[in-house]
Structure formats: structure tokens, C-alpha cells
Amino acid sequence: MSRCPVCDSRKGKRPCRIAGAPVCSACCGATRSAAECAACGWYVPPRRDYDALPRCTTDEMDESDELDGISFPIEAAVCSLDRERRFTMLDSQAIAIFELLIDLYVFGDPEEAVAGRVRELGCQSVLDIVRRELAGCDPEKVAKVLGVVRLVACRRNRGGRSHMNVLQEYNGAFLWSGIGLRRYPDGREVASGRMPPDPDDPEFQKLLDDLRARDIEFVLRTSTEVRGFDPE
């Protein structure tokens, strides 16, 4: 057995893609990186203290349209995935997705490093929506919003769907930027949110036509008025 090419003192036992030869366990732990080693069977991601991350307060979230505009696509994307799964997602699964997003947007992990977790959680659609909707947002504010989004989910988690039920009722599945399809405890569904800057966008009009065809009520706000559709 050859010596470790890093320290040149201990025996190299673990195949290493960085060194190009087997390295010892000590050098394996000292030189590993998420970008290079995520696919390696010896790689163990570092434990992270998510509770210690800086975050917005709930009052700041309530008072800021900008922060709400960051939190909405994060939670709405998770609600969309829950809807696809026929409202069976547990709070613990949502928290795991929020932590994955924190690893990407706060700790800066490359997507290759979390690819296995994305497949396990089946949440690629969440990442796609968040990436598109948060493009250009202030990274520091995104980090603080993710921190409070996760914290609130953890506080509500009782082993079931307490938090997911709240998200479905007050946020809803992602339909359009700022618009979610809410689901109430009695089964009623309402599309609610902000009217987009260009309400004549053909794709947006197509969405409204689809809601009407499905007899789904919608209530959309502008700065001066509320527009809606009530199938009754």
C-alpha cells in the first residue's frame, strides 16, 4: 500500500479525485470540499447550525413588500409540490427543503453537492421556481428571509402538517409572481395576490381564463383597486 501523497507519512487508503491517488483518512478530512467531493462515498457534509443564522423578524416580514416578495416564491413553490403530492407533505419534509435552499443561497454550496438530496426530496421544481423568481434579489435579504421561513416552520412542526396547512391557506401554490392558489380547510380554493405589472400579458390572461374555466375564484390587488372573479 502506497503512502498518502498529501502528507507522505501515513498509508493512503481512500481513493481521492483531488489528489489522483489514495490518501489517508486525516488528509481526506482536511482537504475535502463540497464542490469536488460531493459524489464521493467518504464525503460527509459539515453539520450546520441553522438556528444561529441571521434572519428577519416576523414584524419586518409583515411590514415589507420586498421581503414578502422574497418569501412568497419560496413557500409557494413548496405548496405547489405539496399540491402535486395531493397534500401529503409533512412539515419535516418542507423544513428539509428550506434547509437545502439555505445550503445553496446562504452557505453557497454548489448544486452538484446537493443533487442527491434534491433527488431524495423530489424538489427540483422548487429550486427552479426559486431560482427564477429570486434572480436579482439582494443575497443578504434572501438569506435572512430563508432563515425566518425555516424558523417559523420549525416552531409549528408537531410531526404532522400543521405548518403546511397554514401555508396552503395563507400563501398557496405558485401560479404567477405574487399570486398563489390558496386552499382553505373547507376545501374551497381561491387564487389571491398582486396584479402583475402587465395584466394584459397573454400568458397571464391565459391563466385567468383557466381559473374561470375551473370555476376558481380569484382576488387580485393593485395599488388602487381589487379585481376578482366569483363563480357564484
Protein backbone atom coordinates (compact mmCIF):
# COMPACT_ATOMS: atom_id res chain seq x y z
CA MET A 1 0.00 0.00 0.00
CA SER A 2 1.46 3.36 -1.05
CA ARG A 3 1.92 6.39 1.16
CA CYS A 4 -0.58 9.24 1.18
CA PRO A 5 0.60 11.76 -1.46
CA VAL A 6 -0.59 14.69 0.69
CA CYS A 7 1.25 14.09 3.97
CA ASP A 8 3.74 11.49 2.69
CA SER A 9 3.73 9.77 6.08
CA ARG A 10 0.58 7.67 6.52
CA LYS A 11 -0.77 4.95 4.28
CA GLY A 12 -3.20 6.01 1.58
CA LYS A 13 -6.44 4.03 1.88
CA ARG A 14 -9.17 6.25 0.44
CA PRO A 15 -9.35 6.92 -3.33
CA CYS A 16 -9.16 10.68 -3.85
CA ARG A 17 -10.23 12.51 -7.00
CA ILE A 18 -8.39 15.66 -5.88
CA ALA A 19 -5.01 14.01 -5.25
CA GLY A 20 -5.46 11.47 -8.02
CA ALA A 21 -4.35 8.67 -5.69
CA PRO A 22 -5.41 7.07 -2.37
CA VAL A 23 -4.97 9.35 0.64
CA CYS A 24 -5.04 8.73 4.39
CA SER A 25 -8.20 9.40 6.41
CA ALA A 26 -6.71 12.50 8.09
CA CYS A 27 -5.82 14.18 4.80
CA CYS A 28 -9.17 13.11 3.33
CA GLY A 29 -10.95 15.08 6.04
CA ALA A 30 -8.58 18.04 5.86
CA THR A 31 -8.66 18.58 2.09
CA ARG A 32 -12.23 17.69 1.12
CA SER A 33 -14.59 20.23 -0.45
CA ALA A 34 -18.29 20.12 -1.33
CA ALA A 35 -17.59 21.07 -4.94
CA GLU A 36 -15.05 18.31 -5.58
CA CYS A 37 -16.13 15.59 -3.17
CA ALA A 38 -19.95 15.62 -3.07
CA ALA A 39 -20.18 12.41 -5.14
CA CYS A 40 -17.58 10.56 -3.07
CA GLY A 41 -18.79 7.87 -0.67
CA TRP A 42 -16.40 9.12 2.00
CA TYR A 43 -17.76 12.66 1.91
CA VAL A 44 -19.86 13.78 4.89
CA PRO A 45 -21.24 17.33 4.69
CA PRO A 46 -20.48 19.52 7.71
CA ARG A 47 -23.13 19.91 10.39
CA ARG A 48 -24.65 23.35 10.28
CA ASP A 49 -26.36 25.38 12.96
CA TYR A 50 -29.35 26.72 11.01
CA ASP A 51 -30.85 28.20 14.18
CA ALA A 52 -27.88 30.57 14.55
CA LEU A 53 -28.29 32.17 11.12
CA PRO A 54 -29.23 35.88 10.91
CA ARG A 55 -32.87 36.29 9.99
CA CYS A 56 -35.64 38.84 9.61
CA THR A 57 -38.20 39.25 12.35
CA THR A 58 -41.81 38.38 11.62
CA ASP A 59 -42.71 42.05 12.12
CA GLU A 60 -40.19 43.06 9.45
CA MET A 61 -41.70 40.47 7.13
CA ASP A 62 -45.23 41.76 7.72
CA GLU A 63 -44.24 45.37 7.02
CA SER A 64 -42.11 44.89 3.90
CA ASP A 65 -43.44 44.14 0.41
CA GLU A 66 -39.86 43.46 -0.69
CA LEU A 67 -39.31 40.76 1.93
CA ASP A 68 -42.75 39.32 1.24
CA GLY A 69 -41.79 39.18 -2.43
CA ILE A 70 -38.82 37.01 -1.47
CA SER A 71 -40.65 34.68 0.89
CA PHE A 72 -43.66 34.16 -1.38
CA PRO A 73 -42.00 32.13 -4.17
CA ILE A 74 -40.08 30.04 -1.62
CA GLU A 75 -43.19 28.98 0.28
CA ALA A 76 -45.46 28.91 -2.79
CA ALA A 77 -43.06 26.58 -4.60
CA VAL A 78 -43.19 24.18 -1.65
CA CYS A 79 -47.00 24.46 -1.64
CA SER A 80 -47.03 23.57 -5.35
CA LEU A 81 -45.02 20.43 -4.64
CA ASP A 82 -47.39 19.58 -1.79
CA ARG A 83 -50.36 20.02 -4.14
CA GLU A 84 -48.73 17.68 -6.67
CA ARG A 85 -48.48 15.13 -3.88
CA ARG A 86 -52.15 15.54 -3.01
CA PHE A 87 -51.44 17.49 0.16
CA THR A 88 -49.42 14.75 1.87
CA MET A 89 -46.15 16.61 2.51
CA LEU A 90 -45.10 16.69 6.16
CA ASP A 91 -43.67 19.75 7.86
CA SER A 92 -40.37 17.88 8.31
CA GLN A 93 -40.09 17.46 4.54
CA ALA A 94 -40.75 21.17 3.96
CA ILE A 95 -38.09 22.03 6.55
CA ALA A 96 -35.61 19.76 4.76
CA ILE A 97 -36.27 21.69 1.54
CA PHE A 98 -35.85 25.05 3.30
CA GLU A 99 -32.52 23.85 4.71
CA LEU A 100 -31.43 22.71 1.27
CA LEU A 101 -32.20 26.21 -0.06
CA ILE A 102 -30.20 27.69 2.81
CA ASP A 103 -27.25 25.48 1.88
CA LEU A 104 -27.46 26.84 -1.67
CA TYR A 105 -28.25 30.51 -1.04
CA VAL A 106 -26.58 31.15 2.33
CA PHE A 107 -23.67 28.70 2.59
CA GLY A 108 -23.01 28.76 -1.15
CA ASP A 109 -22.98 25.03 -1.78
CA PRO A 110 -22.83 24.15 -5.50
CA GLU A 111 -25.90 22.38 -6.88
CA GLU A 112 -23.78 19.28 -7.52
CA ALA A 113 -23.21 18.99 -3.77
CA VAL A 114 -26.94 18.80 -3.02
CA ALA A 115 -28.02 16.84 -6.11
CA GLY A 116 -28.57 13.66 -4.10
CA ARG A 117 -30.79 15.43 -1.58
CA VAL A 118 -32.74 17.11 -4.38
CA ARG A 119 -33.49 13.70 -5.90
CA GLU A 120 -34.37 12.23 -2.50
CA LEU A 121 -36.75 15.09 -1.69
CA GLY A 122 -38.07 15.30 -5.26
CA CYS A 123 -37.86 19.08 -5.10
CA GLN A 124 -36.23 20.14 -8.37
CA SER A 125 -39.39 22.07 -9.26
CA VAL A 126 -38.98 24.12 -6.07
CA LEU A 127 -35.39 25.00 -6.96
CA ASP A 128 -36.46 26.01 -10.49
CA ILE A 129 -39.16 28.41 -9.26
CA VAL A 130 -36.96 29.93 -6.55
CA ARG A 131 -34.02 30.40 -8.93
CA ARG A 132 -36.23 32.17 -11.47
CA GLU A 133 -38.19 34.33 -9.04
CA LEU A 134 -35.28 35.41 -6.83
CA ALA A 135 -32.92 36.30 -9.67
CA GLY A 136 -31.52 39.73 -8.93
CA CYS A 137 -32.67 39.84 -5.29
CA ASP A 138 -30.31 41.07 -2.56
CA PRO A 139 -28.43 37.92 -1.36
CA GLU A 140 -28.31 39.17 2.24
CA LYS A 141 -32.07 39.70 2.32
CA VAL A 142 -32.68 36.30 0.71
CA ALA A 143 -30.52 34.71 3.41
CA LYS A 144 -32.42 36.43 6.23
CA VAL A 145 -35.81 35.55 4.72
CA LEU A 146 -34.81 31.90 4.35
CA GLY A 147 -33.76 31.94 8.00
CA VAL A 148 -37.16 33.11 9.23
CA VAL A 149 -39.08 30.88 6.77
CA ARG A 150 -37.32 27.85 8.23
CA LEU A 151 -37.68 29.07 11.84
CA VAL A 152 -41.45 29.52 11.57
CA ALA A 153 -41.80 26.07 10.00
CA CYS A 154 -39.79 24.51 12.84
CA ARG A 155 -41.86 26.25 15.50
CA ARG A 156 -45.11 24.96 14.01
CA ASN A 157 -43.84 21.44 13.36
CA ARG A 158 -45.59 18.90 15.56
CA GLY A 159 -44.77 15.86 13.49
CA GLY A 160 -47.62 16.32 11.01
CA ARG A 161 -48.83 19.02 8.62
CA SER A 162 -49.56 21.96 10.92
CA HIS A 163 -47.28 24.34 9.05
CA MET A 164 -48.11 23.06 5.56
CA ASN A 165 -51.83 23.56 6.22
CA VAL A 166 -51.15 27.18 7.23
CA LEU A 167 -49.01 27.76 4.13
CA GLN A 168 -51.71 26.34 1.85
CA GLU A 169 -54.35 28.59 3.43
CA TYR A 170 -52.42 31.87 3.56
CA ASN A 171 -49.84 31.50 0.77
CA GLY A 172 -50.96 28.82 -1.65
CA ALA A 173 -49.38 27.06 -4.59
CA PHE A 174 -47.40 29.16 -7.06
CA LEU A 175 -49.47 30.38 -10.02
CA TRP A 176 -47.68 33.58 -11.03
CA SER A 177 -45.26 36.01 -9.43
CA GLY A 178 -47.06 37.16 -6.28
CA ILE A 179 -50.17 35.02 -6.90
CA GLY A 180 -50.93 31.79 -5.08
CA LEU A 181 -53.75 29.25 -5.24
CA ARG A 182 -54.92 29.06 -1.64
CA ARG A 183 -56.70 26.05 -0.21
CA TYR A 184 -58.96 26.54 2.80
CA PRO A 185 -59.86 23.94 5.45
CA ASP A 186 -63.35 23.53 3.93
CA GLY A 187 -61.79 22.62 0.55
CA ARG A 188 -62.57 25.97 -1.11
CA GLU A 189 -59.84 27.32 -3.38
CA VAL A 190 -59.09 30.97 -4.18
CA ALA A 191 -56.34 32.48 -6.32
CA SER A 192 -55.08 35.53 -4.45
CA GLY A 193 -52.25 38.03 -4.74
CA ARG A 194 -50.94 41.09 -6.53
CA MET A 195 -51.90 42.03 -10.07
CA PRO A 196 -48.78 41.80 -12.27
CA PRO A 197 -47.28 44.97 -13.80
CA ASP A 198 -48.58 43.92 -17.22
CA PRO A 199 -52.06 42.44 -16.71
CA ASP A 200 -52.51 42.22 -20.49
CA ASP A 201 -49.69 39.69 -20.80
CA PRO A 202 -51.15 36.85 -22.94
CA GLU A 203 -49.79 34.18 -20.60
CA PHE A 204 -51.38 35.90 -17.61
CA GLN A 205 -54.70 36.22 -19.44
CA LYS A 206 -54.45 32.52 -20.23
CA LEU A 207 -54.05 31.84 -16.50
CA LEU A 208 -57.18 33.87 -15.70
CA ASP A 209 -59.15 32.06 -18.41
CA ASP A 210 -58.05 28.74 -16.92
CA LEU A 211 -59.19 29.81 -13.45
CA ARG A 212 -62.59 30.86 -14.83
CA ALA A 213 -62.92 27.57 -16.72
CA ARG A 214 -62.24 25.69 -13.49
CA ASP A 215 -64.69 27.90 -11.56
CA ILE A 216 -61.94 29.04 -9.23
CA GLU A 217 -62.49 32.39 -7.54
CA PHE A 218 -59.67 34.90 -7.79
CA VAL A 219 -58.99 38.15 -5.95
CA LEU A 220 -56.11 40.24 -7.29
CA ARG A 221 -54.98 43.55 -5.81
CA THR A 222 -53.48 46.62 -7.44
CA SER A 223 -52.31 49.77 -5.68
CA THR A 224 -55.76 51.34 -6.14
CA GLU A 225 -58.30 48.54 -6.59
CA VAL A 226 -59.20 44.89 -6.20
CA ARG A 227 -60.21 42.82 -9.21
CA GLY A 228 -61.82 39.45 -8.93
CA PHE A 229 -63.96 36.66 -10.22
CA ASP A 230 -66.56 34.80 -8.20
CA PRO A 231 -68.00 31.74 -9.99
CA GLU A 232 -71.19 32.09 -7.97
